[in-house]
Amino acid sequence: MEHGSAAQHNAPMPTASRPGAEAMRLSWCPLELPLSHPWTIARGTSSAKRNALLRLEAEGPSASARRRRSARYQQSYETAAAAFERIAAALAGRSPWDRADCWEAAARATGDRAALAALDMALWDWRGKKLGKPVWQLLDVAPVPIAATSFSIGIAAPEALREKVREARDFPS
C-alpha cells in the first residue's frame, strides 16, 4: 500500500483542526450482488456474493468503496463490519484531507487488509471528487486501458456448462 504520496502531488490540505475543515463520517452496509447463475466450486454453492460497502462523507462529497469477502480467508460481512467499526473509532475527528495519517491510524486499529484497502480507495475517491480530478491525476500516473478480466464458470451438469460457455463467449479469458 502506498503511503503519503498525496502530499508530493498536491498543495497542503486543511485538517479537521483548522477552521472550515470537517471531520469525516464513515458508514457501511451490506452490498448483495446476485449472480447470473449459482456459483459452485468444491467448497460450496452460492447464488449471490455479499460484500461490504464503505461510505465516507465530509465537506459535501461522499465516496464509497467495496470490500470483497472471501470465505477461503474466513472473511464475511460481519468481519468487515467489525473492522470498519474499529477504523471509524480510530478516525474519529480526523479529516479525509490527511489521507496518510488516516490510513496509518486505521492500520493500527485493524489488520484487515481488505478493509484498509476499501478505506484507502474511499479516501482517494473522496479527494478526487472534492478536487474535481480523477484519481489517476491525483497520483500523477498515466491512465491505462482497463485490463481484461477472467471469467470463471463454476461446476455444473454438462448441458448447463455448455450454456454457460455460450453465454461467456464475449469474455476473452
N, C-alpha and C. Protein backbone atom coordinates (compact mmCIF):
# COMPACT_ATOMS: atom_id res chain seq x y z
N MET A 1 0.85 -1.17 0.00
CA MET A 1 0.00 0.00 0.00
C MET A 1 0.89 1.23 0.00
N GLU A 2 0.58 2.16 -0.81
CA GLU A 2 1.34 3.40 -0.95
C GLU A 2 0.93 4.35 0.18
N HIS A 3 1.89 5.03 0.75
CA HIS A 3 1.61 5.97 1.84
C HIS A 3 2.15 7.34 1.49
N GLY A 4 1.38 8.38 1.76
CA GLY A 4 1.89 9.73 1.79
C GLY A 4 2.24 10.39 0.48
N SER A 5 2.07 9.75 -0.66
CA SER A 5 2.48 10.41 -1.89
C SER A 5 1.55 11.56 -2.26
N ALA A 6 0.37 11.61 -1.67
CA ALA A 6 -0.55 12.70 -2.00
C ALA A 6 0.07 14.05 -1.67
N ALA A 7 0.82 14.12 -0.58
CA ALA A 7 1.46 15.38 -0.22
C ALA A 7 2.47 15.80 -1.27
N GLN A 8 3.03 14.84 -1.98
CA GLN A 8 4.00 15.15 -3.01
C GLN A 8 3.33 15.71 -4.26
N HIS A 9 2.08 15.39 -4.48
CA HIS A 9 1.38 15.76 -5.69
C HIS A 9 0.38 16.90 -5.51
N ASN A 10 0.10 17.27 -4.27
CA ASN A 10 -0.94 18.26 -4.01
C ASN A 10 -0.44 19.30 -3.01
N ALA A 11 -1.05 20.47 -3.09
CA ALA A 11 -0.76 21.50 -2.11
C ALA A 11 -1.26 21.04 -0.74
N PRO A 12 -0.73 21.60 0.35
CA PRO A 12 -1.21 21.23 1.68
C PRO A 12 -2.72 21.41 1.78
N MET A 13 -3.37 20.48 2.42
CA MET A 13 -4.82 20.49 2.54
C MET A 13 -5.22 20.81 3.98
N PRO A 14 -6.44 21.30 4.19
CA PRO A 14 -6.88 21.60 5.54
C PRO A 14 -7.02 20.33 6.37
N THR A 15 -6.88 20.47 7.67
CA THR A 15 -7.13 19.35 8.57
C THR A 15 -8.35 19.67 9.42
N ALA A 16 -8.87 18.68 10.10
CA ALA A 16 -10.07 18.89 10.90
C ALA A 16 -9.85 19.90 12.01
N SER A 17 -8.61 20.11 12.41
CA SER A 17 -8.34 21.06 13.49
C SER A 17 -8.30 22.50 12.99
N ARG A 18 -8.25 22.72 11.69
CA ARG A 18 -8.23 24.07 11.13
C ARG A 18 -9.64 24.56 10.88
N PRO A 19 -9.88 25.87 10.96
CA PRO A 19 -11.23 26.38 10.70
C PRO A 19 -11.71 25.97 9.32
N GLY A 20 -12.97 25.57 9.23
CA GLY A 20 -13.56 25.23 7.95
C GLY A 20 -13.40 23.78 7.55
N ALA A 21 -12.48 23.06 8.17
CA ALA A 21 -12.31 21.65 7.82
C ALA A 21 -13.33 20.83 8.60
N GLU A 22 -13.72 19.73 8.04
CA GLU A 22 -14.76 18.91 8.64
C GLU A 22 -14.26 17.48 8.81
N ALA A 23 -14.51 16.91 9.97
CA ALA A 23 -14.14 15.51 10.19
C ALA A 23 -15.04 14.62 9.33
N MET A 24 -14.52 13.48 8.94
CA MET A 24 -15.28 12.57 8.10
C MET A 24 -16.22 11.71 8.91
N ARG A 25 -17.21 11.21 8.22
CA ARG A 25 -18.15 10.25 8.78
C ARG A 25 -18.06 8.98 7.92
N LEU A 26 -17.92 7.84 8.57
CA LEU A 26 -17.89 6.56 7.88
C LEU A 26 -19.16 5.79 8.19
N SER A 27 -19.69 5.14 7.18
CA SER A 27 -20.81 4.22 7.38
C SER A 27 -20.61 3.05 6.44
N TRP A 28 -21.29 1.96 6.70
CA TRP A 28 -21.15 0.79 5.86
C TRP A 28 -22.44 0.00 5.89
N CYS A 29 -22.63 -0.79 4.86
CA CYS A 29 -23.82 -1.63 4.75
C CYS A 29 -23.48 -2.82 3.87
N PRO A 30 -24.31 -3.86 3.96
CA PRO A 30 -24.08 -5.00 3.07
C PRO A 30 -24.41 -4.61 1.62
N LEU A 31 -23.70 -5.19 0.71
CA LEU A 31 -23.96 -5.00 -0.71
C LEU A 31 -24.13 -6.39 -1.31
N GLU A 32 -25.38 -6.74 -1.61
CA GLU A 32 -25.70 -8.05 -2.17
C GLU A 32 -25.57 -7.98 -3.69
N LEU A 33 -24.73 -8.82 -4.24
CA LEU A 33 -24.52 -8.89 -5.68
C LEU A 33 -25.05 -10.23 -6.18
N PRO A 34 -26.26 -10.24 -6.78
CA PRO A 34 -26.81 -11.51 -7.27
C PRO A 34 -26.01 -12.01 -8.47
N LEU A 35 -25.84 -13.31 -8.54
CA LEU A 35 -25.11 -13.92 -9.64
C LEU A 35 -26.09 -14.36 -10.72
N SER A 36 -25.65 -14.36 -11.96
CA SER A 36 -26.50 -14.80 -13.06
C SER A 36 -26.85 -16.28 -12.93
N HIS A 37 -25.92 -17.06 -12.42
CA HIS A 37 -26.10 -18.49 -12.22
C HIS A 37 -25.53 -18.84 -10.85
N PRO A 38 -26.05 -19.89 -10.23
CA PRO A 38 -25.41 -20.34 -9.00
C PRO A 38 -23.93 -20.66 -9.27
N TRP A 39 -23.08 -20.26 -8.35
CA TRP A 39 -21.63 -20.46 -8.48
C TRP A 39 -21.28 -21.66 -7.60
N THR A 40 -20.83 -22.73 -8.23
CA THR A 40 -20.50 -23.95 -7.49
C THR A 40 -19.03 -24.26 -7.69
N ILE A 41 -18.35 -24.41 -6.56
CA ILE A 41 -16.95 -24.86 -6.55
C ILE A 41 -16.87 -25.96 -5.50
N ALA A 42 -15.70 -26.52 -5.29
CA ALA A 42 -15.55 -27.63 -4.35
C ALA A 42 -16.00 -27.27 -2.93
N ARG A 43 -15.89 -25.99 -2.56
CA ARG A 43 -16.24 -25.58 -1.19
C ARG A 43 -17.71 -25.23 -1.00
N GLY A 44 -18.52 -25.24 -2.07
CA GLY A 44 -19.93 -24.95 -1.90
C GLY A 44 -20.53 -24.20 -3.07
N THR A 45 -21.79 -23.80 -2.90
CA THR A 45 -22.56 -23.11 -3.93
C THR A 45 -23.12 -21.82 -3.36
N SER A 46 -23.11 -20.77 -4.17
CA SER A 46 -23.76 -19.52 -3.76
C SER A 46 -24.49 -18.92 -4.95
N SER A 47 -25.55 -18.18 -4.66
CA SER A 47 -26.32 -17.52 -5.72
C SER A 47 -26.13 -16.01 -5.67
N ALA A 48 -25.40 -15.53 -4.66
CA ALA A 48 -25.11 -14.11 -4.54
C ALA A 48 -23.80 -13.96 -3.77
N LYS A 49 -23.17 -12.84 -3.93
CA LYS A 49 -21.96 -12.51 -3.16
C LYS A 49 -22.31 -11.33 -2.27
N ARG A 50 -22.01 -11.46 -1.00
CA ARG A 50 -22.30 -10.40 -0.04
C ARG A 50 -21.00 -9.68 0.30
N ASN A 51 -20.92 -8.44 -0.12
CA ASN A 51 -19.75 -7.60 0.16
C ASN A 51 -20.14 -6.52 1.15
N ALA A 52 -19.19 -5.71 1.51
CA ALA A 52 -19.45 -4.58 2.40
C ALA A 52 -19.16 -3.30 1.62
N LEU A 53 -20.07 -2.36 1.68
CA LEU A 53 -19.90 -1.08 1.02
C LEU A 53 -19.57 -0.03 2.07
N LEU A 54 -18.40 0.55 1.97
CA LEU A 54 -17.95 1.60 2.89
C LEU A 54 -18.25 2.95 2.27
N ARG A 55 -18.84 3.85 3.04
CA ARG A 55 -19.17 5.19 2.56
C ARG A 55 -18.47 6.21 3.45
N LEU A 56 -17.82 7.16 2.83
CA LEU A 56 -17.11 8.23 3.53
C LEU A 56 -17.76 9.54 3.13
N GLU A 57 -18.13 10.35 4.11
CA GLU A 57 -18.73 11.65 3.85
C GLU A 57 -17.99 12.73 4.62
N ALA A 58 -17.77 13.87 3.97
CA ALA A 58 -17.17 15.04 4.60
C ALA A 58 -17.25 16.21 3.63
N GLU A 59 -17.51 17.38 4.13
CA GLU A 59 -17.47 18.61 3.34
C GLU A 59 -18.23 18.50 2.02
N GLY A 60 -19.36 17.84 2.04
CA GLY A 60 -20.17 17.77 0.84
C GLY A 60 -20.07 16.44 0.11
N PRO A 61 -18.96 16.16 -0.57
CA PRO A 61 -18.93 14.92 -1.36
C PRO A 61 -18.95 13.67 -0.49
N SER A 62 -19.48 12.63 -1.08
CA SER A 62 -19.38 11.32 -0.44
C SER A 62 -18.62 10.41 -1.40
N ALA A 63 -17.96 9.45 -0.85
CA ALA A 63 -17.18 8.49 -1.63
C ALA A 63 -17.50 7.11 -1.11
N SER A 64 -17.25 6.12 -1.92
CA SER A 64 -17.52 4.77 -1.46
C SER A 64 -16.50 3.80 -2.05
N ALA A 65 -16.40 2.68 -1.40
CA ALA A 65 -15.52 1.60 -1.85
C ALA A 65 -16.10 0.29 -1.36
N ARG A 66 -15.84 -0.74 -2.09
CA ARG A 66 -16.38 -2.06 -1.78
C ARG A 66 -15.29 -2.92 -1.17
N ARG A 67 -15.64 -3.66 -0.14
CA ARG A 67 -14.72 -4.62 0.47
C ARG A 67 -15.28 -6.00 0.18
N ARG A 68 -14.53 -6.75 -0.61
CA ARG A 68 -14.95 -8.09 -1.01
C ARG A 68 -14.67 -9.07 0.11
N ARG A 69 -15.53 -10.03 0.27
CA ARG A 69 -15.32 -11.06 1.28
C ARG A 69 -14.76 -12.31 0.62
N SER A 70 -14.09 -13.11 1.39
CA SER A 70 -13.56 -14.37 0.89
C SER A 70 -13.70 -15.41 1.99
N ALA A 71 -14.59 -16.36 1.76
CA ALA A 71 -14.78 -17.44 2.74
C ALA A 71 -13.48 -18.22 2.90
N ARG A 72 -12.70 -18.28 1.85
CA ARG A 72 -11.43 -19.01 1.91
C ARG A 72 -10.52 -18.45 3.00
N TYR A 73 -10.60 -17.13 3.24
CA TYR A 73 -9.76 -16.48 4.25
C TYR A 73 -10.57 -16.10 5.49
N GLN A 74 -11.67 -16.81 5.71
CA GLN A 74 -12.55 -16.58 6.87
C GLN A 74 -13.04 -15.13 6.95
N GLN A 75 -13.33 -14.54 5.81
CA GLN A 75 -13.85 -13.17 5.77
C GLN A 75 -15.35 -13.23 5.48
N SER A 76 -16.07 -12.29 6.07
CA SER A 76 -17.52 -12.20 5.87
C SER A 76 -17.92 -10.74 6.00
N TYR A 77 -19.19 -10.47 5.77
CA TYR A 77 -19.67 -9.11 6.00
C TYR A 77 -19.45 -8.74 7.46
N GLU A 78 -19.66 -9.69 8.34
CA GLU A 78 -19.52 -9.41 9.78
C GLU A 78 -18.08 -9.05 10.14
N THR A 79 -17.10 -9.73 9.57
CA THR A 79 -15.71 -9.38 9.86
C THR A 79 -15.37 -8.01 9.27
N ALA A 80 -15.95 -7.70 8.11
CA ALA A 80 -15.73 -6.37 7.51
C ALA A 80 -16.35 -5.30 8.39
N ALA A 81 -17.58 -5.52 8.84
CA ALA A 81 -18.25 -4.54 9.69
C ALA A 81 -17.47 -4.31 10.98
N ALA A 82 -16.93 -5.37 11.57
CA ALA A 82 -16.13 -5.22 12.78
C ALA A 82 -14.87 -4.41 12.50
N ALA A 83 -14.22 -4.66 11.36
CA ALA A 83 -13.02 -3.89 11.00
C ALA A 83 -13.39 -2.43 10.75
N PHE A 84 -14.50 -2.17 10.05
CA PHE A 84 -14.92 -0.79 9.79
C PHE A 84 -15.27 -0.07 11.10
N GLU A 85 -15.83 -0.80 12.05
CA GLU A 85 -16.15 -0.22 13.37
C GLU A 85 -14.86 0.26 14.05
N ARG A 86 -13.82 -0.57 14.02
CA ARG A 86 -12.54 -0.19 14.62
C ARG A 86 -11.91 0.99 13.86
N ILE A 87 -12.01 0.95 12.54
CA ILE A 87 -11.47 2.05 11.73
C ILE A 87 -12.20 3.35 12.04
N ALA A 88 -13.53 3.31 12.09
CA ALA A 88 -14.30 4.52 12.37
C ALA A 88 -13.92 5.12 13.72
N ALA A 89 -13.73 4.27 14.73
CA ALA A 89 -13.32 4.77 16.05
C ALA A 89 -11.93 5.41 15.98
N ALA A 90 -11.03 4.79 15.23
CA ALA A 90 -9.66 5.32 15.12
C ALA A 90 -9.61 6.64 14.35
N LEU A 91 -10.59 6.87 13.47
CA LEU A 91 -10.58 8.08 12.64
C LEU A 91 -11.48 9.18 13.17
N ALA A 92 -12.08 8.98 14.34
CA ALA A 92 -12.97 9.99 14.91
C ALA A 92 -12.25 11.34 14.99
N GLY A 93 -12.87 12.36 14.43
CA GLY A 93 -12.33 13.71 14.48
C GLY A 93 -11.28 14.01 13.42
N ARG A 94 -10.92 13.05 12.60
CA ARG A 94 -9.89 13.28 11.58
C ARG A 94 -10.50 13.77 10.27
N SER A 95 -9.68 14.44 9.51
CA SER A 95 -10.09 14.95 8.21
C SER A 95 -9.63 14.01 7.10
N PRO A 96 -10.46 13.80 6.08
CA PRO A 96 -10.02 12.95 4.96
C PRO A 96 -8.90 13.59 4.14
N TRP A 97 -8.64 14.89 4.34
CA TRP A 97 -7.51 15.51 3.65
C TRP A 97 -6.19 14.90 4.10
N ASP A 98 -6.16 14.38 5.32
CA ASP A 98 -4.95 13.78 5.87
C ASP A 98 -4.94 12.28 5.61
N ARG A 99 -4.93 11.90 4.34
CA ARG A 99 -5.07 10.51 3.93
C ARG A 99 -4.04 9.59 4.58
N ALA A 100 -2.78 9.93 4.52
CA ALA A 100 -1.74 9.06 5.07
C ALA A 100 -1.93 8.88 6.58
N ASP A 101 -2.24 9.95 7.28
CA ASP A 101 -2.47 9.88 8.72
C ASP A 101 -3.68 9.00 9.02
N CYS A 102 -4.74 9.16 8.24
CA CYS A 102 -5.94 8.34 8.42
C CYS A 102 -5.62 6.86 8.20
N TRP A 103 -4.91 6.58 7.13
CA TRP A 103 -4.60 5.19 6.82
C TRP A 103 -3.74 4.57 7.92
N GLU A 104 -2.75 5.30 8.39
CA GLU A 104 -1.88 4.77 9.44
C GLU A 104 -2.65 4.53 10.74
N ALA A 105 -3.56 5.43 11.10
CA ALA A 105 -4.38 5.24 12.30
C ALA A 105 -5.28 4.02 12.12
N ALA A 106 -5.85 3.88 10.94
CA ALA A 106 -6.72 2.73 10.66
C ALA A 106 -5.91 1.43 10.71
N ALA A 107 -4.70 1.44 10.17
CA ALA A 107 -3.85 0.24 10.18
C ALA A 107 -3.48 -0.17 11.60
N ARG A 108 -3.36 0.79 12.50
CA ARG A 108 -3.10 0.46 13.90
C ARG A 108 -4.34 -0.15 14.55
N ALA A 109 -5.52 0.18 14.02
CA ALA A 109 -6.77 -0.28 14.61
C ALA A 109 -7.20 -1.67 14.13
N THR A 110 -6.76 -2.06 12.94
CA THR A 110 -7.16 -3.35 12.40
C THR A 110 -6.10 -3.90 11.46
N GLY A 111 -6.01 -5.19 11.40
CA GLY A 111 -5.11 -5.84 10.44
C GLY A 111 -5.85 -6.32 9.21
N ASP A 112 -7.13 -6.00 9.10
CA ASP A 112 -7.95 -6.44 7.97
C ASP A 112 -7.54 -5.66 6.72
N ARG A 113 -6.69 -6.26 5.89
CA ARG A 113 -6.13 -5.57 4.72
C ARG A 113 -7.21 -5.20 3.71
N ALA A 114 -8.23 -6.02 3.56
CA ALA A 114 -9.30 -5.69 2.61
C ALA A 114 -10.06 -4.45 3.09
N ALA A 115 -10.32 -4.34 4.39
CA ALA A 115 -11.00 -3.16 4.93
C ALA A 115 -10.11 -1.92 4.79
N LEU A 116 -8.81 -2.07 5.01
CA LEU A 116 -7.89 -0.94 4.85
C LEU A 116 -7.82 -0.50 3.39
N ALA A 117 -7.85 -1.46 2.47
CA ALA A 117 -7.85 -1.12 1.05
C ALA A 117 -9.12 -0.37 0.69
N ALA A 118 -10.26 -0.79 1.24
CA ALA A 118 -11.52 -0.08 0.98
C ALA A 118 -11.44 1.36 1.50
N LEU A 119 -10.88 1.53 2.69
CA LEU A 119 -10.71 2.88 3.23
C LEU A 119 -9.82 3.72 2.32
N ASP A 120 -8.70 3.16 1.89
CA ASP A 120 -7.78 3.90 1.03
C ASP A 120 -8.47 4.32 -0.27
N MET A 121 -9.22 3.39 -0.87
CA MET A 121 -9.94 3.72 -2.10
C MET A 121 -10.97 4.82 -1.86
N ALA A 122 -11.68 4.74 -0.74
CA ALA A 122 -12.69 5.76 -0.43
C ALA A 122 -12.03 7.13 -0.20
N LEU A 123 -10.88 7.14 0.48
CA LEU A 123 -10.17 8.41 0.70
C LEU A 123 -9.73 9.03 -0.62
N TRP A 124 -9.18 8.21 -1.53
CA TRP A 124 -8.78 8.73 -2.84
C TRP A 124 -10.00 9.18 -3.66
N ASP A 125 -11.07 8.40 -3.61
CA ASP A 125 -12.30 8.74 -4.34
C ASP A 125 -12.84 10.08 -3.82
N TRP A 126 -12.87 10.25 -2.50
CA TRP A 126 -13.37 11.48 -1.91
C TRP A 126 -12.53 12.68 -2.37
N ARG A 127 -11.22 12.53 -2.28
CA ARG A 127 -10.32 13.63 -2.66
C ARG A 127 -10.52 14.00 -4.13
N GLY A 128 -10.61 12.99 -4.99
CA GLY A 128 -10.84 13.25 -6.41
C GLY A 128 -12.14 14.00 -6.66
N LYS A 129 -13.20 13.59 -5.97
CA LYS A 129 -14.49 14.29 -6.12
C LYS A 129 -14.38 15.71 -5.60
N LYS A 130 -13.73 15.89 -4.47
CA LYS A 130 -13.61 17.22 -3.87
C LYS A 130 -12.81 18.17 -4.77
N LEU A 131 -11.76 17.66 -5.40
CA LEU A 131 -10.90 18.49 -6.24
C LEU A 131 -11.32 18.49 -7.71
N GLY A 132 -12.32 17.67 -8.05
CA GLY A 132 -12.78 17.60 -9.43
C GLY A 132 -11.77 16.97 -10.37
N LYS A 133 -11.01 15.99 -9.86
CA LYS A 133 -9.98 15.33 -10.67
C LYS A 133 -10.12 13.82 -10.53
N PRO A 134 -9.80 13.08 -11.60
CA PRO A 134 -9.77 11.63 -11.44
C PRO A 134 -8.57 11.22 -10.60
N VAL A 135 -8.69 10.07 -9.95
CA VAL A 135 -7.63 9.60 -9.05
C VAL A 135 -6.30 9.45 -9.78
N TRP A 136 -6.31 9.01 -11.03
CA TRP A 136 -5.04 8.83 -11.74
C TRP A 136 -4.28 10.15 -11.84
N GLN A 137 -4.99 11.28 -11.94
CA GLN A 137 -4.30 12.58 -11.95
C GLN A 137 -3.76 12.92 -10.57
N LEU A 138 -4.50 12.60 -9.53
CA LEU A 138 -4.02 12.86 -8.17
C LEU A 138 -2.74 12.07 -7.89
N LEU A 139 -2.66 10.88 -8.46
CA LEU A 139 -1.48 10.03 -8.25
C LEU A 139 -0.38 10.33 -9.25
N ASP A 140 -0.66 11.20 -10.19
CA ASP A 140 0.32 11.59 -11.21
C ASP A 140 0.81 10.38 -12.01
N VAL A 141 -0.16 9.58 -12.45
CA VAL A 141 0.16 8.44 -13.30
C VAL A 141 -0.67 8.55 -14.57
N ALA A 142 -0.18 7.97 -15.63
CA ALA A 142 -0.90 8.00 -16.90
C ALA A 142 -2.06 7.00 -16.85
N PRO A 143 -3.20 7.39 -17.42
CA PRO A 143 -4.31 6.43 -17.47
C PRO A 143 -3.96 5.28 -18.41
N VAL A 144 -4.43 4.12 -18.09
CA VAL A 144 -4.20 2.95 -18.93
C VAL A 144 -5.54 2.30 -19.24
N PRO A 145 -5.62 1.60 -20.35
CA PRO A 145 -6.88 0.91 -20.65
C PRO A 145 -7.19 -0.11 -19.56
N ILE A 146 -8.45 -0.34 -19.35
CA ILE A 146 -8.86 -1.32 -18.36
C ILE A 146 -8.45 -2.70 -18.85
N ALA A 147 -7.80 -3.43 -17.98
CA ALA A 147 -7.33 -4.77 -18.33
C ALA A 147 -8.51 -5.73 -18.43
N ALA A 148 -8.39 -6.68 -19.34
CA ALA A 148 -9.40 -7.73 -19.44
C ALA A 148 -9.34 -8.58 -18.19
N THR A 149 -10.50 -8.96 -17.71
CA THR A 149 -10.54 -9.83 -16.54
C THR A 149 -10.91 -11.24 -16.98
N SER A 150 -10.69 -12.18 -16.12
CA SER A 150 -11.05 -13.55 -16.44
C SER A 150 -12.51 -13.79 -16.08
N PHE A 151 -13.06 -14.81 -16.66
CA PHE A 151 -14.43 -15.21 -16.39
C PHE A 151 -14.39 -16.68 -16.03
N SER A 152 -14.87 -17.02 -14.85
CA SER A 152 -14.84 -18.41 -14.40
C SER A 152 -16.23 -19.01 -14.46
N ILE A 153 -16.27 -20.26 -14.81
CA ILE A 153 -17.53 -20.99 -14.86
C ILE A 153 -17.47 -22.07 -13.78
N GLY A 154 -18.46 -22.04 -12.91
CA GLY A 154 -18.50 -23.00 -11.81
C GLY A 154 -18.91 -24.39 -12.27
N ILE A 155 -18.84 -25.31 -11.35
CA ILE A 155 -19.20 -26.70 -11.59
C ILE A 155 -20.69 -26.78 -11.93
N ALA A 156 -21.02 -27.55 -12.97
CA ALA A 156 -22.41 -27.73 -13.37
C ALA A 156 -22.54 -28.99 -14.21
N ALA A 157 -23.76 -29.38 -14.47
CA ALA A 157 -24.03 -30.52 -15.35
C ALA A 157 -23.56 -30.15 -16.76
N PRO A 158 -23.24 -31.15 -17.59
CA PRO A 158 -22.69 -30.87 -18.93
C PRO A 158 -23.52 -29.89 -19.77
N GLU A 159 -24.83 -30.04 -19.82
CA GLU A 159 -25.64 -29.13 -20.64
C GLU A 159 -25.60 -27.70 -20.07
N ALA A 160 -25.66 -27.58 -18.77
CA ALA A 160 -25.57 -26.25 -18.15
C ALA A 160 -24.20 -25.63 -18.41
N LEU A 161 -23.15 -26.44 -18.40
CA LEU A 161 -21.80 -25.94 -18.72
C LEU A 161 -21.74 -25.42 -20.15
N ARG A 162 -22.31 -26.18 -21.08
CA ARG A 162 -22.32 -25.72 -22.47
C ARG A 162 -23.03 -24.38 -22.61
N GLU A 163 -24.15 -24.23 -21.92
CA GLU A 163 -24.90 -22.96 -21.99
C GLU A 163 -24.09 -21.82 -21.37
N LYS A 164 -23.44 -22.07 -20.25
CA LYS A 164 -22.61 -21.03 -19.62
C LYS A 164 -21.43 -20.64 -20.51
N VAL A 165 -20.85 -21.60 -21.21
CA VAL A 165 -19.75 -21.30 -22.13
C VAL A 165 -20.27 -20.43 -23.27
N ARG A 166 -21.46 -20.75 -23.78
CA ARG A 166 -22.06 -19.91 -24.86
C ARG A 166 -22.28 -18.48 -24.35
N GLU A 167 -22.81 -18.35 -23.15
CA GLU A 167 -23.06 -17.03 -22.58
C GLU A 167 -21.76 -16.24 -22.37
N ALA A 168 -20.67 -16.94 -22.12
CA ALA A 168 -19.39 -16.27 -21.82
C ALA A 168 -18.55 -16.06 -23.07
N ARG A 169 -19.07 -16.30 -24.23
CA ARG A 169 -18.26 -16.22 -25.46
C ARG A 169 -17.64 -14.85 -25.69
N ASP A 170 -18.22 -13.78 -25.14
CA ASP A 170 -17.66 -12.44 -25.33
C ASP A 170 -16.52 -12.12 -24.36
N PHE A 171 -16.27 -13.01 -23.42
CA PHE A 171 -15.18 -12.79 -22.47
C PHE A 171 -13.91 -13.45 -23.01
N PRO A 172 -12.84 -12.69 -23.20
CA PRO A 172 -11.64 -13.23 -23.84
C PRO A 172 -10.85 -14.22 -22.98
N SER A 173 -11.04 -14.21 -21.68
CA SER A 173 -10.20 -15.04 -20.83
C SER A 173 -11.05 -15.78 -19.82
